[in-house]
PDB file of N, CA and C in Angstrom:
ATOM      1  N   MET A   1      -8.692 -49.457-378.705  1.00  0.00           N
ATOM      2  CA  MET A   1      -9.321 -50.743-378.513  1.00  0.00           C
ATOM      3  C   MET A   1      -9.169 -51.583-379.764  1.00  0.00           C
ATOM      4  N   SER A   2      -9.077 -52.860-379.531  1.00  0.00           N
ATOM      5  CA  SER A   2      -8.924 -53.793-380.637  1.00  0.00           C
ATOM      6  C   SER A   2     -10.271 -54.075-381.272  1.00  0.00           C
ATOM      7  N   SER A   3     -10.253 -54.282-382.562  1.00  0.00           N
ATOM      8  CA  SER A   3     -11.498 -54.657-383.221  1.00  0.00           C
ATOM      9  C   SER A   3     -11.261 -55.838-384.125  1.00  0.00           C
ATOM     10  N   GLY A   4     -12.303 -56.630-384.296  1.00  0.00           N
ATOM     11  CA  GLY A   4     -12.216 -57.809-385.144  1.00  0.00           C
ATOM     12  C   GLY A   4     -12.560 -57.465-386.574  1.00  0.00           C
ATOM     13  N   ILE A   5     -12.670 -58.479-387.401  1.00  0.00           N
ATOM     14  CA  ILE A   5     -12.971 -58.319-388.814  1.00  0.00           C
ATOM     15  C   ILE A   5     -14.290 -57.579-389.007  1.00  0.00           C
ATOM     16  N   SER A   6     -15.275 -57.872-388.171  1.00  0.00           N
ATOM     17  CA  SER A   6     -16.595 -57.270-388.330  1.00  0.00           C
ATOM     18  C   SER A   6     -16.656 -55.850-387.777  1.00  0.00           C
ATOM     19  N   GLY A   7     -15.547 -55.350-387.210  1.00  0.00           N
ATOM     20  CA  GLY A   7     -15.544 -54.014-386.643  1.00  0.00           C
ATOM     21  C   GLY A   7     -15.893 -53.998-385.170  1.00  0.00           C
ATOM     22  N   GLY A   8     -16.285 -55.149-384.620  1.00  0.00           N
ATOM     23  CA  GLY A   8     -16.604 -55.225-383.202  1.00  0.00           C
ATOM     24  C   GLY A   8     -15.370 -55.574-382.390  1.00  0.00           C
ATOM     25  N   LEU A   9     -15.541 -55.590-381.088  1.00  0.00           N
ATOM     26  CA  LEU A   9     -14.437 -55.940-380.200  1.00  0.00           C
ATOM     27  C   LEU A   9     -14.170 -57.441-380.244  1.00  0.00           C
ATOM     28  N   SER A  10     -12.918 -57.812-380.035  1.00  0.00           N
ATOM     29  CA  SER A  10     -12.548 -59.228-379.978  1.00  0.00           C
ATOM     30  C   SER A  10     -12.970 -59.815-378.632  1.00  0.00           C
ATOM     31  N   GLU A  11     -13.047 -61.143-378.566  1.00  0.00           N
ATOM     32  CA  GLU A  11     -13.368 -61.812-377.303  1.00  0.00           C
ATOM     33  C   GLU A  11     -12.345 -61.460-376.232  1.00  0.00           C
ATOM     34  N   LYS A  12     -11.094 -61.352-376.622  1.00  0.00           N
ATOM     35  CA  LYS A  12     -10.025 -61.024-375.673  1.00  0.00           C
ATOM     36  C   LYS A  12     -10.276 -59.662-375.029  1.00  0.00           C
ATOM     37  N   VAL A  13     -10.630 -58.678-375.825  1.00  0.00           N
ATOM     38  CA  VAL A  13     -10.883 -57.326-375.308  1.00  0.00           C
ATOM     39  C   VAL A  13     -12.141 -57.323-374.445  1.00  0.00           C
ATOM     40  N   ILE A  14     -13.202 -57.983-374.905  1.00  0.00           N
ATOM     41  CA  ILE A  14     -14.440 -58.047-374.127  1.00  0.00           C
ATOM     42  C   ILE A  14     -14.168 -58.719-372.780  1.00  0.00           C
ATOM     43  N   THR A  15     -13.412 -59.810-372.798  1.00  0.00           N
ATOM     44  CA  THR A  15     -13.075 -60.523-371.557  1.00  0.00           C
ATOM     45  C   THR A  15     -12.306 -59.616-370.603  1.00  0.00           C
ATOM     46  N   ARG A  16     -11.342 -58.885-371.107  1.00  0.00           N
ATOM     47  CA  ARG A  16     -10.573 -57.959-370.249  1.00  0.00           C
ATOM     48  C   ARG A  16     -11.476 -56.900-369.633  1.00  0.00           C
ATOM     49  N   GLN A  17     -12.395 -56.354-370.416  1.00  0.00           N
ATOM     50  CA  GLN A  17     -13.328 -55.352-369.900  1.00  0.00           C
ATOM     51  C   GLN A  17     -14.195 -55.939-368.791  1.00  0.00           C
ATOM     52  N   ILE A  18     -14.706 -57.135-369.046  1.00  0.00           N
ATOM     53  CA  ILE A  18     -15.562 -57.791-368.061  1.00  0.00           C
ATOM     54  C   ILE A  18     -14.787 -58.075-366.779  1.00  0.00           C
ATOM     55  N   MET A  19     -13.592 -58.652-366.917  1.00  0.00           N
ATOM     56  CA  MET A  19     -12.789 -58.986-365.741  1.00  0.00           C
ATOM     57  C   MET A  19     -12.468 -57.746-364.912  1.00  0.00           C
ATOM     58  N   ALA A  20     -12.160 -56.649-365.579  1.00  0.00           N
ATOM     59  CA  ALA A  20     -11.868 -55.405-364.857  1.00  0.00           C
ATOM     60  C   ALA A  20     -13.102 -54.923-364.099  1.00  0.00           C
ATOM     61  N   TRP A  21     -14.255 -54.924-364.761  1.00  0.00           N
ATOM     62  CA  TRP A  21     -15.480 -54.416-364.135  1.00  0.00           C
ATOM     63  C   TRP A  21     -15.916 -55.278-362.963  1.00  0.00           C
ATOM     64  N   VAL A  22     -15.969 -56.612-363.154  1.00  0.00           N
ATOM     65  CA  VAL A  22     -16.440 -57.478-362.072  1.00  0.00           C
ATOM     66  C   VAL A  22     -15.486 -57.437-360.880  1.00  0.00           C
ATOM     67  N   SER A  23     -14.192 -57.379-361.149  1.00  0.00           N
ATOM     68  CA  SER A  23     -13.218 -57.291-360.052  1.00  0.00           C
ATOM     69  C   SER A  23     -13.367 -55.970-359.309  1.00  0.00           C
ATOM     70  N   TRP A  24     -13.505 -54.882-360.043  1.00  0.00           N
ATOM     71  CA  TRP A  24     -13.662 -53.552-359.446  1.00  0.00           C
ATOM     72  C   TRP A  24     -14.918 -53.488-358.582  1.00  0.00           C
ATOM     73  N   ASN A  25     -15.936 -54.243-358.977  1.00  0.00           N
ATOM     74  CA  ASN A  25     -17.207 -54.223-358.255  1.00  0.00           C
ATOM     75  C   ASN A  25     -17.314 -55.324-357.199  1.00  0.00           C
ATOM     76  N   GLY A  26     -16.204 -55.970-356.885  1.00  0.00           N
ATOM     77  CA  GLY A  26     -16.148 -56.887-355.752  1.00  0.00           C
ATOM     78  C   GLY A  26     -16.658 -58.293-355.977  1.00  0.00           C
ATOM     79  N   PHE A  27     -16.883 -58.676-357.229  1.00  0.00           N
ATOM     80  CA  PHE A  27     -17.305 -60.049-357.501  1.00  0.00           C
ATOM     81  C   PHE A  27     -16.087 -60.969-357.482  1.00  0.00           C
ATOM     82  N   PHE A  28     -16.267 -62.196-356.987  1.00  0.00           N
ATOM     83  CA  PHE A  28     -15.189 -63.192-356.938  1.00  0.00           C
ATOM     84  C   PHE A  28     -15.248 -64.000-358.229  1.00  0.00           C
ATOM     85  N   VAL A  29     -14.351 -63.698-359.162  1.00  0.00           N
ATOM     86  CA  VAL A  29     -14.345 -64.345-360.476  1.00  0.00           C
ATOM     87  C   VAL A  29     -12.923 -64.689-360.896  1.00  0.00           C
ATOM     88  N   TRP A  30     -12.824 -65.581-361.872  1.00  0.00           N
ATOM     89  CA  TRP A  30     -11.536 -65.893-362.473  1.00  0.00           C
ATOM     90  C   TRP A  30     -11.754 -66.259-363.931  1.00  0.00           C
ATOM     91  N   LYS A  31     -10.698 -66.098-364.725  1.00  0.00           N
ATOM     92  CA  LYS A  31     -10.697 -66.496-366.129  1.00  0.00           C
ATOM     93  C   LYS A  31     -10.373 -67.976-366.164  1.00  0.00           C
ATOM     94  N   GLN A  32     -11.221 -68.739-366.810  1.00  0.00           N
ATOM     95  CA  GLN A  32     -11.004 -70.182-366.914  1.00  0.00           C
ATOM     96  C   GLN A  32     -10.215 -70.488-368.182  1.00  0.00           C
ATOM     97  N   TRP A  33      -9.010 -71.007-368.024  1.00  0.00           N
ATOM     98  CA  TRP A  33      -8.184 -71.381-369.168  1.00  0.00           C
ATOM     99  C   TRP A  33      -8.431 -72.841-369.492  1.00  0.00           C
ATOM    100  N   GLN A  34      -8.549 -73.160-370.752  1.00  0.00           N
ATOM    101  CA  GLN A  34      -8.777 -74.534-371.189  1.00  0.00           C
ATOM    102  C   GLN A  34      -7.444 -75.232-371.436  1.00  0.00           C
ATOM    103  N   GLY A  35      -7.404 -76.496-371.104  1.00  0.00           N
ATOM    104  CA  GLY A  35      -6.214 -77.306-371.316  1.00  0.00           C
ATOM    105  C   GLY A  35      -6.611 -78.752-371.525  1.00  0.00           C
ATOM    106  N   PRO A  36      -5.632 -79.651-371.584  1.00  0.00           N
ATOM    107  CA  PRO A  36      -5.912 -81.064-371.865  1.00  0.00           C
ATOM    108  C   PRO A  36      -6.851 -81.725-370.865  1.00  0.00           C
ATOM    109  N   MET A  37      -6.849 -81.304-369.627  1.00  0.00           N
ATOM    110  CA  MET A  37      -7.687 -81.932-368.602  1.00  0.00           C
ATOM    111  C   MET A  37      -8.968 -81.146-368.337  1.00  0.00           C
ATOM    112  N   SER A  38      -9.237 -80.121-369.134  1.00  0.00           N
ATOM    113  CA  SER A  38     -10.419 -79.283-368.940  1.00  0.00           C
ATOM    114  C   SER A  38     -11.683 -79.972-369.420  1.00  0.00           C
ATOM    115  N   ARG A  39     -12.785 -79.557-368.868  1.00  0.00           N
ATOM    116  CA  ARG A  39     -14.091 -80.049-369.304  1.00  0.00           C
ATOM    117  C   ARG A  39     -14.509 -79.249-370.533  1.00  0.00           C
ATOM    118  N   PRO A  40     -14.834 -79.888-371.639  1.00  0.00           N
ATOM    119  CA  PRO A  40     -15.247 -79.162-372.845  1.00  0.00           C
ATOM    120  C   PRO A  40     -16.504 -78.325-372.594  1.00  0.00           C
ATOM    121  N   GLY A  41     -16.501 -77.103-373.097  1.00  0.00           N
ATOM    122  CA  GLY A  41     -17.669 -76.234-372.986  1.00  0.00           C
ATOM    123  C   GLY A  41     -17.703 -75.333-371.780  1.00  0.00           C
ATOM    124  N   VAL A  42     -16.733 -75.477-370.878  1.00  0.00           N
ATOM    125  CA  VAL A  42     -16.717 -74.637-369.681  1.00  0.00           C
ATOM    126  C   VAL A  42     -16.620 -73.172-370.096  1.00  0.00           C
ATOM    127  N   SER A  43     -17.381 -72.330-369.413  1.00  0.00           N
ATOM    128  CA  SER A  43     -17.425 -70.909-369.741  1.00  0.00           C
ATOM    129  C   SER A  43     -16.090 -70.223-369.506  1.00  0.00           C
ATOM    130  N   ASP A  44     -15.931 -69.067-370.153  1.00  0.00           N
ATOM    131  CA  ASP A  44     -14.678 -68.306-370.099  1.00  0.00           C
ATOM    132  C   ASP A  44     -14.405 -67.707-368.722  1.00  0.00           C
ATOM    133  N   ILE A  45     -15.455 -67.219-368.075  1.00  0.00           N
ATOM    134  CA  ILE A  45     -15.312 -66.578-366.770  1.00  0.00           C
ATOM    135  C   ILE A  45     -16.209 -67.313-365.791  1.00  0.00           C
ATOM    136  N   LEU A  46     -15.622 -67.728-364.674  1.00  0.00           N
ATOM    137  CA  LEU A  46     -16.359 -68.424-363.621  1.00  0.00           C
ATOM    138  C   LEU A  46     -16.214 -67.641-362.330  1.00  0.00           C
ATOM    139  N   GLY A  47     -17.149 -67.861-361.417  1.00  0.00           N
ATOM    140  CA  GLY A  47     -17.063 -67.173-360.144  1.00  0.00           C
ATOM    141  C   GLY A  47     -18.158 -67.598-359.190  1.00  0.00           C
ATOM    142  N   VAL A  48     -18.189 -66.909-358.054  1.00  0.00           N
ATOM    143  CA  VAL A  48     -19.202 -67.127-357.029  1.00  0.00           C
ATOM    144  C   VAL A  48     -19.809 -65.772-356.709  1.00  0.00           C
ATOM    145  N   LEU A  49     -21.125 -65.703-356.818  1.00  0.00           N
ATOM    146  CA  LEU A  49     -21.842 -64.467-356.538  1.00  0.00           C
ATOM    147  C   LEU A  49     -22.065 -64.300-355.045  1.00  0.00           C
ATOM    148  N   PRO A  50     -22.327 -63.088-354.592  1.00  0.00           N
ATOM    149  CA  PRO A  50     -22.684 -62.908-353.187  1.00  0.00           C
ATOM    150  C   PRO A  50     -23.845 -63.845-352.832  1.00  0.00           C
ATOM    151  N   GLY A  51     -23.745 -64.520-351.730  1.00  0.00           N
ATOM    152  CA  GLY A  51     -24.762 -65.490-351.346  1.00  0.00           C
ATOM    153  C   GLY A  51     -24.418 -66.903-351.770  1.00  0.00           C
ATOM    154  N   GLY A  52     -23.333 -67.077-352.532  1.00  0.00           N
ATOM    155  CA  GLY A  52     -22.846 -68.406-352.871  1.00  0.00           C
ATOM    156  C   GLY A  52     -23.292 -68.980-354.195  1.00  0.00           C
ATOM    157  N   ARG A  53     -24.051 -68.256-354.978  1.00  0.00           N
ATOM    158  CA  ARG A  53     -24.521 -68.775-356.268  1.00  0.00           C
ATOM    159  C   ARG A  53     -23.375 -68.806-357.278  1.00  0.00           C
ATOM    160  N   PHE A  54     -23.264 -69.922-358.003  1.00  0.00           N
ATOM    161  CA  PHE A  54     -22.214 -70.101-359.007  1.00  0.00           C
ATOM    162  C   PHE A  54     -22.481 -69.196-360.206  1.00  0.00           C
ATOM    163  N   LEU A  55     -21.422 -68.645-360.781  1.00  0.00           N
ATOM    164  CA  LEU A  55     -21.517 -67.750-361.930  1.00  0.00           C
ATOM    165  C   LEU A  55     -20.695 -68.295-363.086  1.00  0.00           C
ATOM    166  N   ALA A  56     -21.279 -68.296-364.283  1.00  0.00           N
ATOM    167  CA  ALA A  56     -20.575 -68.708-365.497  1.00  0.00           C
ATOM    168  C   ALA A  56     -20.920 -67.717-366.605  1.00  0.00           C
ATOM    169  N   ILE A  57     -19.890 -67.105-367.183  1.00  0.00           N
ATOM    170  CA  ILE A  57     -20.085 -66.151-368.272  1.00  0.00           C
ATOM    171  C   ILE A  57     -19.331 -66.655-369.493  1.00  0.00           C
ATOM    172  N   GLU A  58     -20.050 -66.899-370.563  1.00  0.00           N
ATOM    173  CA  GLU A  58     -19.440 -67.288-371.836  1.00  0.00           C
ATOM    174  C   GLU A  58     -19.306 -66.027-372.674  1.00  0.00           C
ATOM    175  N   VAL A  59     -18.085 -65.665-373.018  1.00  0.00           N
ATOM    176  CA  VAL A  59     -17.823 -64.437-373.772  1.00  0.00           C
ATOM    177  C   VAL A  59     -17.810 -64.745-375.262  1.00  0.00           C
ATOM    178  N   LYS A  60     -18.570 -63.973-376.004  1.00  0.00           N
ATOM    179  CA  LYS A  60     -18.637 -64.106-377.461  1.00  0.00           C
ATOM    180  C   LYS A  60     -18.650 -62.715-378.094  1.00  0.00           C
ATOM    181  N   THR A  61     -18.177 -62.648-379.322  1.00  0.00           N
ATOM    182  CA  THR A  61     -18.292 -61.405-380.084  1.00  0.00           C
ATOM    183  C   THR A  61     -19.739 -61.250-380.528  1.00  0.00           C
ATOM    184  N   ARG A  62     -20.028 -60.136-381.162  1.00  0.00           N
ATOM    185  CA  ARG A  62     -21.390 -59.907-381.665  1.00  0.00           C
ATOM    186  C   ARG A  62     -21.867 -61.054-382.540  1.00  0.00           C
ATOM    187  N   ARG A  63     -20.978 -61.577-383.354  1.00  0.00           N
ATOM    188  CA  ARG A  63     -21.349 -62.637-384.295  1.00  0.00           C
ATOM    189  C   ARG A  63     -20.950 -64.035-383.847  1.00  0.00           C
ATOM    190  N   GLY A  64     -20.294 -64.128-382.704  1.00  0.00           N
ATOM    191  CA  GLY A  64     -19.830 -65.432-382.227  1.00  0.00           C
ATOM    192  C   GLY A  64     -20.979 -66.357-381.879  1.00  0.00           C
ATOM    193  N   ARG A  65     -20.776 -67.637-382.117  1.00  0.00           N
ATOM    194  CA  ARG A  65     -21.801 -68.644-381.841  1.00  0.00           C
ATOM    195  C   ARG A  65     -21.344 -69.578-380.735  1.00  0.00           C
ATOM    196  N   LEU A  66     -22.288 -69.984-379.921  1.00  0.00           N
ATOM    197  CA  LEU A  66     -22.005 -70.979-378.898  1.00  0.00           C
ATOM    198  C   LEU A  66     -21.889 -72.358-379.535  1.00  0.00           C
ATOM    199  N   THR A  67     -20.976 -73.154-379.012  1.00  0.00           N
ATOM    200  CA  THR A  67     -20.936 -74.556-379.416  1.00  0.00           C
ATOM    201  C   THR A  67     -22.018 -75.295-378.624  1.00  0.00           C
ATOM    202  N   ARG A  68     -22.327 -76.498-379.059  1.00  0.00           N
ATOM    203  CA  ARG A  68     -23.307 -77.307-378.305  1.00  0.00           C
ATOM    204  C   ARG A  68     -22.819 -77.553-376.874  1.00  0.00           C
ATOM    205  N   ARG A  69     -21.537 -77.764-376.720  1.00  0.00           N
ATOM    206  CA  ARG A  69     -21.002 -78.014-375.373  1.00  0.00           C
ATOM    207  C   ARG A  69     -21.086 -76.767-374.498  1.00  0.00           C
ATOM    208  N   GLN A  70     -20.871 -75.603-375.077  1.00  0.00           N
ATOM    209  CA  GLN A  70     -21.021 -74.360-374.310  1.00  0.00           C
ATOM    210  C   GLN A  70     -22.477 -74.144-373.910  1.00  0.00           C
ATOM    211  N   GLU A  71     -23.393 -74.400-374.830  1.00  0.00           N
ATOM    212  CA  GLU A  71     -24.823 -74.299-374.511  1.00  0.00           C
ATOM    213  C   GLU A  71     -25.196 -75.261-373.394  1.00  0.00           C
ATOM    214  N   ALA A  72     -24.689 -76.492-373.479  1.00  0.00           N
ATOM    215  CA  ALA A  72     -24.986 -77.503-372.466  1.00  0.00           C
ATOM    216  C   ALA A  72     -24.431 -77.096-371.106  1.00  0.00           C
ATOM    217  N   PHE A  73     -23.234 -76.532-371.086  1.00  0.00           N
ATOM    218  CA  PHE A  73     -22.637 -76.103-369.817  1.00  0.00           C
ATOM    219  C   PHE A  73     -23.481 -75.009-369.173  1.00  0.00           C
ATOM    220  N   LEU A  74     -23.850 -73.983-369.948  1.00  0.00           N
ATOM    221  CA  LEU A  74     -24.668 -72.897-369.401  1.00  0.00           C
ATOM    222  C   LEU A  74     -26.022 -73.421-368.926  1.00  0.00           C
ATOM    223  N   SER A  75     -26.622 -74.326-369.677  1.00  0.00           N
ATOM    224  CA  SER A  75     -27.902 -74.917-369.273  1.00  0.00           C
ATOM    225  C   SER A  75     -27.763 -75.672-367.961  1.00  0.00           C
ATOM    226  N   ALA A  76     -26.685 -76.443-367.816  1.00  0.00           N
ATOM    227  CA  ALA A  76     -26.453 -77.200-366.584  1.00  0.00           C
ATOM    228  C   ALA A  76     -26.271 -76.264-365.392  1.00  0.00           C
ATOM    229  N   VAL A  77     -25.514 -75.193-365.587  1.00  0.00           N
ATOM    230  CA  VAL A  77     -25.312 -74.213-364.502  1.00  0.00           C
ATOM    231  C   VAL A  77     -26.658 -73.648-364.070  1.00  0.00           C
ATOM    232  N   ASN A  78     -27.481 -73.237-365.022  1.00  0.00           N
ATOM    233  CA  ASN A  78     -28.781 -72.646-364.690  1.00  0.00           C
ATOM    234  C   ASN A  78     -29.743 -73.667-364.074  1.00  0.00           C
ATOM    235  N   ARG A  79     -29.739 -74.901-364.561  1.00  0.00           N
ATOM    236  CA  ARG A  79     -30.593 -75.963-363.987  1.00  0.00           C
ATOM    237  C   ARG A  79     -30.237 -76.240-362.530  1.00  0.00           C
ATOM    238  N   GLN A  80     -28.956 -76.122-362.212  1.00  0.00           N
ATOM    239  CA  GLN A  80     -28.499 -76.421-360.853  1.00  0.00           C
ATOM    240  C   GLN A  80     -28.580 -75.207-359.917  1.00  0.00           C
ATOM    241  N   GLY A  81     -29.167 -74.119-360.389  1.00  0.00           N
ATOM    242  CA  GLY A  81     -29.365 -72.953-359.528  1.00  0.00           C
ATOM    243  C   GLY A  81     -28.312 -71.869-359.663  1.00  0.00           C
ATOM    244  N   GLY A  82     -27.365 -72.056-360.570  1.00  0.00           N
ATOM    245  CA  GLY A  82     -26.361 -71.027-360.801  1.00  0.00           C
ATOM    246  C   GLY A  82     -26.880 -69.971-361.762  1.00  0.00           C
ATOM    247  N   LEU A  83     -26.027 -69.049-362.091  1.00  0.00           N
ATOM    248  CA  LEU A  83     -26.346 -68.000-363.061  1.00  0.00           C
ATOM    249  C   LEU A  83     -25.346 -68.111-364.199  1.00  0.00           C
ATOM    250  N   GLY A  84     -25.805 -68.578-365.342  1.00  0.00           N
ATOM    251  CA  GLY A  84     -24.960 -68.732-366.514  1.00  0.00           C
ATOM    252  C   GLY A  84     -25.564 -67.994-367.683  1.00  0.00           C
ATOM    253  N   PHE A  85     -24.728 -67.238-368.403  1.00  0.00           N
ATOM    254  CA  PHE A  85     -25.238 -66.471-369.533  1.00  0.00           C
ATOM    255  C   PHE A  85     -24.116 -66.137-370.511  1.00  0.00           C
ATOM    256  N   VAL A  86     -24.527 -65.690-371.697  1.00  0.00           N
ATOM    257  CA  VAL A  86     -23.595 -65.260-372.735  1.00  0.00           C
ATOM    258  C   VAL A  86     -23.452 -63.749-372.644  1.00  0.00           C
ATOM    259  N   ALA A  87     -22.212 -63.267-372.751  1.00  0.00           N
ATOM    260  CA  ALA A  87     -21.944 -61.827-372.767  1.00  0.00           C
ATOM    261  C   ALA A  87     -21.258 -61.478-374.078  1.00  0.00           C
ATOM    262  N   ARG A  88     -21.870 -60.588-374.812  1.00  0.00           N
ATOM    263  CA  ARG A  88     -21.295 -60.109-376.065  1.00  0.00           C
ATOM    264  C   ARG A  88     -20.702 -58.718-375.900  1.00  0.00           C
ATOM    265  N   SER A  89     -20.828 -58.192-374.689  1.00  0.00           N
ATOM    266  CA  SER A  89     -20.286 -56.873-374.374  1.00  0.00           C
ATOM    267  C   SER A  89     -20.228 -56.719-372.860  1.00  0.00           C
ATOM    268  N   LEU A  90     -19.497 -55.729-372.410  1.00  0.00           N
ATOM    269  CA  LEU A  90     -19.478 -55.407-370.986  1.00  0.00           C
ATOM    270  C   LEU A  90     -20.878 -55.045-370.518  1.00  0.00           C
ATOM    271  N   GLU A  91     -21.624 -54.357-371.350  1.00  0.00           N
ATOM    272  CA  GLU A  91     -22.974 -53.925-370.979  1.00  0.00           C
ATOM    273  C   GLU A  91     -23.878 -55.116-370.651  1.00  0.00           C
ATOM    274  N   ASP A  92     -23.702 -56.241-371.360  1.00  0.00           N
ATOM    275  CA  ASP A  92     -24.484 -57.445-371.053  1.00  0.00           C
ATOM    276  C   ASP A  92     -24.235 -57.887-369.617  1.00  0.00           C
ATOM    277  N   VAL A  93     -22.990 -57.862-369.203  1.00  0.00           N
ATOM    278  CA  VAL A  93     -22.627 -58.299-367.848  1.00  0.00           C
ATOM    279  C   VAL A  93     -23.142 -57.312-366.811  1.00  0.00           C
ATOM    280  N   VAL A  94     -22.927 -56.032-367.057  1.00  0.00           N
ATOM    281  CA  VAL A  94     -23.386 -55.010-366.114  1.00  0.00           C
ATOM    282  C   VAL A  94     -24.894 -55.141-365.906  1.00  0.00           C
ATOM    283  N   GLY A  95     -25.647 -55.229-366.990  1.00  0.00           N
ATOM    284  CA  GLY A  95     -27.100 -55.336-366.883  1.00  0.00           C
ATOM    285  C   GLY A  95     -27.536 -56.582-366.136  1.00  0.00           C
ATOM    286  N   THR A  96     -26.944 -57.722-366.458  1.00  0.00           N
ATOM    287  CA  THR A  96     -27.331 -58.983-365.824  1.00  0.00           C
ATOM    288  C   THR A  96     -26.966 -58.996-364.344  1.00  0.00           C
ATOM    289  N   LEU A  97     -25.750 -58.574-364.007  1.00  0.00           N
ATOM    290  CA  LEU A  97     -25.327 -58.630-362.605  1.00  0.00           C
ATOM    291  C   LEU A  97     -25.992 -57.556-361.763  1.00  0.00           C
ATOM    292  N   GLU A  98     -26.245 -56.393-362.318  1.00  0.00           N
ATOM    293  CA  GLU A  98     -26.975 -55.367-361.560  1.00  0.00           C
ATOM    294  C   GLU A  98     -28.401 -55.820-361.300  1.00  0.00           C
ATOM    295  N   SER A  99     -29.038 -56.451-362.287  1.00  0.00           N
ATOM    296  CA  SER A  99     -30.383 -56.993-362.111  1.00  0.00           C
ATOM    297  C   SER A  99     -30.376 -58.083-361.040  1.00  0.00           C
ATOM    298  N   TYR A 100     -29.367 -58.965-361.106  1.00  0.00           N
ATOM    299  CA  TYR A 100     -29.253 -60.039-360.114  1.00  0.00           C
ATOM    300  C   TYR A 100     -29.092 -59.469-358.707  1.00  0.00           C
ATOM    301  N   THR A 101     -28.210 -58.493-358.532  1.00  0.00           N
ATOM    302  CA  THR A 101     -27.970 -57.958-357.186  1.00  0.00           C
ATOM    303  C   THR A 101     -29.197 -57.203-356.664  1.00  0.00           C
ATOM    304  N   ARG A 102     -29.949 -56.536-357.560  1.00  0.00           N
ATOM    305  CA  ARG A 102     -31.196 -55.876-357.128  1.00  0.00           C
ATOM    306  C   ARG A 102     -32.205 -56.913-356.652  1.00  0.00           C
ATOM    307  N   LYS A 103     -32.364 -58.008-357.407  1.00  0.00           N
ATOM    308  CA  LYS A 103     -33.305 -59.061-357.022  1.00  0.00           C
ATOM    309  C   LYS A 103     -32.873 -59.712-355.712  1.00  0.00           C
ATOM    310  N   ALA A 104     -31.574 -59.979-355.582  1.00  0.00           N
ATOM    311  CA  ALA A 104     -31.055 -60.619-354.365  1.00  0.00           C
ATOM    312  C   ALA A 104     -31.280 -59.721-353.146  1.00  0.00           C
ATOM    313  N   ALA A 105     -31.061 -58.415-353.313  1.00  0.00           N
ATOM    314  CA  ALA A 105     -31.267 -57.472-352.205  1.00  0.00           C
ATOM    315  C   ALA A 105     -32.743 -57.416-351.830  1.00  0.00           C
ATOM    316  N   TYR A 106     -33.629 -57.452-352.821  1.00  0.00           N
ATOM    317  CA  TYR A 106     -35.071 -57.423-352.575  1.00  0.00           C
ATOM    318  C   TYR A 106     -35.514 -58.674-351.816  1.00  0.00           C
ATOM    319  N   ILE A 107     -34.992 -59.824-352.214  1.00  0.00           N
ATOM    320  CA  ILE A 107     -35.356 -61.084-351.557  1.00  0.00           C
ATOM    321  C   ILE A 107     -34.881 -61.111-350.114  1.00  0.00           C
ATOM    322  N   ASP A 108     -33.705 -60.512-349.838  1.00  0.00           N
ATOM    323  CA  ASP A 108     -33.136 -60.495-348.499  1.00  0.00           C
ATOM    324  C   ASP A 108     -33.893 -59.570-347.545  1.00  0.00           C
ATOM    325  N   GLU A 109     -34.655 -58.634-348.089  1.00  0.00           N
ATOM    326  CA  GLU A 109     -35.382 -57.675-347.223  1.00  0.00           C
ATOM    327  C   GLU A 109     -36.547 -58.306-346.524  1.00  0.00           C
TER     328      GLU A 109
END
């Protein structure tokens, strides 16, 4: 595994781990690439959760900081009823999405 200066995993490696796990577990997600026509601050991984809720995952290293635009994007997603959060590891995603699916299953009962 790749490691950064601080000894932790790079964003690239964390993103690959997350993409593999969410895809393996049946979530509809994609890696959002930034370009000239992109909206500033858009999260690294976007998707749609079971039930239609929008998903936004901003990937950061242990020491990585969100920009104001990234914070604003995640806040907007959450205000509009989506699920937006920062992931500094695969474990962050697993915990958040497993918690979400447990809550969603409970509400559906």
